[in-house]
């Protein structure tokens, strides 16, 4: 799992990210969630897993509706009923 921090440029509409999936790491789908500084969920979205052996997962997370402040993007892989956290990235939406 990775833990990163980003400051988005003022006026950003999306938070874009690309992840290389680990060899042998297979999930039925992925889910991302944006949490505000208090830990409350602001946005949650599910997406299909990419196909192929050397697959990448590309995200374009909409952030235009977020108020200025600190947020956390949590990415999880979903397999059956189990959820595995893959990434937790902190980002700031400027004033």
Protein backbone atom coordinates (compact mmCIF):
# COMPACT_ATOMS: atom_id res chain seq x y z
CA UNK A 1 0.00 0.00 0.00
CA UNK A 2 1.24 3.46 -0.84
CA UNK A 3 0.74 6.69 1.09
CA UNK A 4 1.25 9.89 -0.94
CA UNK A 5 0.32 13.57 -0.74
CA UNK A 6 -0.61 16.00 -3.55
CA UNK A 7 -1.69 19.62 -3.92
CA UNK A 8 -4.09 20.03 -6.82
CA UNK A 9 -3.77 23.11 -9.03
CA UNK A 10 -6.48 25.73 -8.45
CA UNK A 11 -9.52 25.08 -10.62
CA UNK A 12 -8.80 21.35 -11.09
CA UNK A 13 -11.79 19.38 -12.29
CA UNK A 14 -10.22 15.91 -11.87
CA UNK A 15 -7.60 14.16 -9.78
CA UNK A 16 -5.89 11.84 -12.27
CA UNK A 17 -3.85 8.82 -11.28
CA UNK A 18 -2.45 5.68 -12.91
CA UNK A 19 -1.58 2.52 -10.99
CA UNK A 20 0.37 -0.51 -12.15
CA UNK A 21 -1.30 -3.60 -10.77
CA UNK A 22 1.00 -6.05 -9.00
CA UNK A 23 1.61 -9.36 -10.81
CA UNK A 24 -0.88 -11.91 -9.57
CA UNK A 25 -3.03 -9.23 -7.96
CA UNK A 26 -6.52 -9.83 -9.31
CA UNK A 27 -9.74 -8.13 -8.36
CA UNK A 28 -13.25 -8.27 -9.77
CA UNK A 29 -13.59 -4.52 -9.46
CA UNK A 30 -12.13 -1.47 -7.79
CA UNK A 31 -13.65 1.19 -5.62
CA UNK A 32 -12.40 4.62 -4.71
CA UNK A 33 -13.65 6.87 -1.96
CA UNK A 34 -12.87 10.48 -1.11
CA UNK A 35 -12.87 11.31 2.60
CA UNK A 36 -12.82 14.85 3.98
CA UNK A 37 -10.47 15.92 6.80
CA UNK A 38 -12.98 14.66 9.39
CA UNK A 39 -13.06 11.22 7.73
CA UNK A 40 -16.58 11.58 6.28
CA UNK A 41 -17.20 10.12 2.83
CA UNK A 42 -17.70 12.80 0.15
CA UNK A 43 -17.69 10.61 -2.98
CA UNK A 44 -17.61 6.87 -3.63
CA UNK A 45 -17.38 5.16 -7.02
CA UNK A 46 -16.99 1.58 -8.21
CA UNK A 47 -15.27 0.59 -11.47
CA UNK A 48 -14.58 -2.56 -13.39
CA UNK A 49 -11.14 -4.14 -13.20
CA UNK A 50 -8.99 -3.72 -16.33
CA UNK A 51 -8.33 -6.84 -18.38
CA UNK A 52 -4.96 -8.25 -19.39
CA UNK A 53 -1.82 -9.48 -17.67
CA UNK A 54 0.10 -6.18 -17.54
CA UNK A 55 -2.92 -4.10 -16.68
CA UNK A 56 -2.95 -0.57 -15.40
CA UNK A 57 -5.76 1.13 -13.58
CA UNK A 58 -6.41 4.73 -14.62
CA UNK A 59 -8.58 7.01 -12.52
CA UNK A 60 -10.06 10.42 -13.26
CA UNK A 61 -11.66 11.32 -9.93
CA UNK A 62 -14.00 14.32 -10.17
CA UNK A 63 -12.99 16.97 -7.63
CA UNK A 64 -14.62 20.13 -9.02
CA UNK A 65 -17.52 19.85 -6.55
CA UNK A 66 -15.25 19.60 -3.49
CA UNK A 67 -14.89 22.58 -1.17
CA UNK A 68 -11.34 23.86 -0.55
CA UNK A 69 -9.61 21.76 2.09
CA UNK A 70 -7.79 18.50 2.83
CA UNK A 71 -8.99 15.15 1.49
CA UNK A 72 -7.95 11.51 1.30
CA UNK A 73 -8.41 9.28 -1.73
CA UNK A 74 -8.73 5.61 -0.73
CA UNK A 75 -8.46 2.96 -3.48
CA UNK A 76 -9.63 -0.58 -2.74
CA UNK A 77 -9.62 -3.81 -4.75
CA UNK A 78 -12.79 -5.90 -4.38
CA UNK A 79 -12.76 -9.69 -4.74
CA UNK A 80 -15.95 -11.54 -3.80
CA UNK A 81 -17.03 -9.91 -0.52
CA UNK A 82 -13.49 -8.98 0.53
CA UNK A 83 -11.99 -5.49 0.20
CA UNK A 84 -8.23 -4.80 0.08
CA UNK A 85 -6.89 -1.27 0.48
CA UNK A 86 -4.33 -0.57 -2.25
CA UNK A 87 -3.62 3.13 -1.89
CA UNK A 88 -4.29 6.05 0.41
CA UNK A 89 -3.34 9.43 -1.07
CA UNK A 90 -3.82 12.77 0.65
CA UNK A 91 -4.59 15.81 -1.46
CA UNK A 92 -5.46 19.45 -0.99
CA UNK A 93 -8.00 21.49 -2.91
CA UNK A 94 -6.72 25.09 -2.80
CA UNK A 95 -8.84 28.07 -1.84
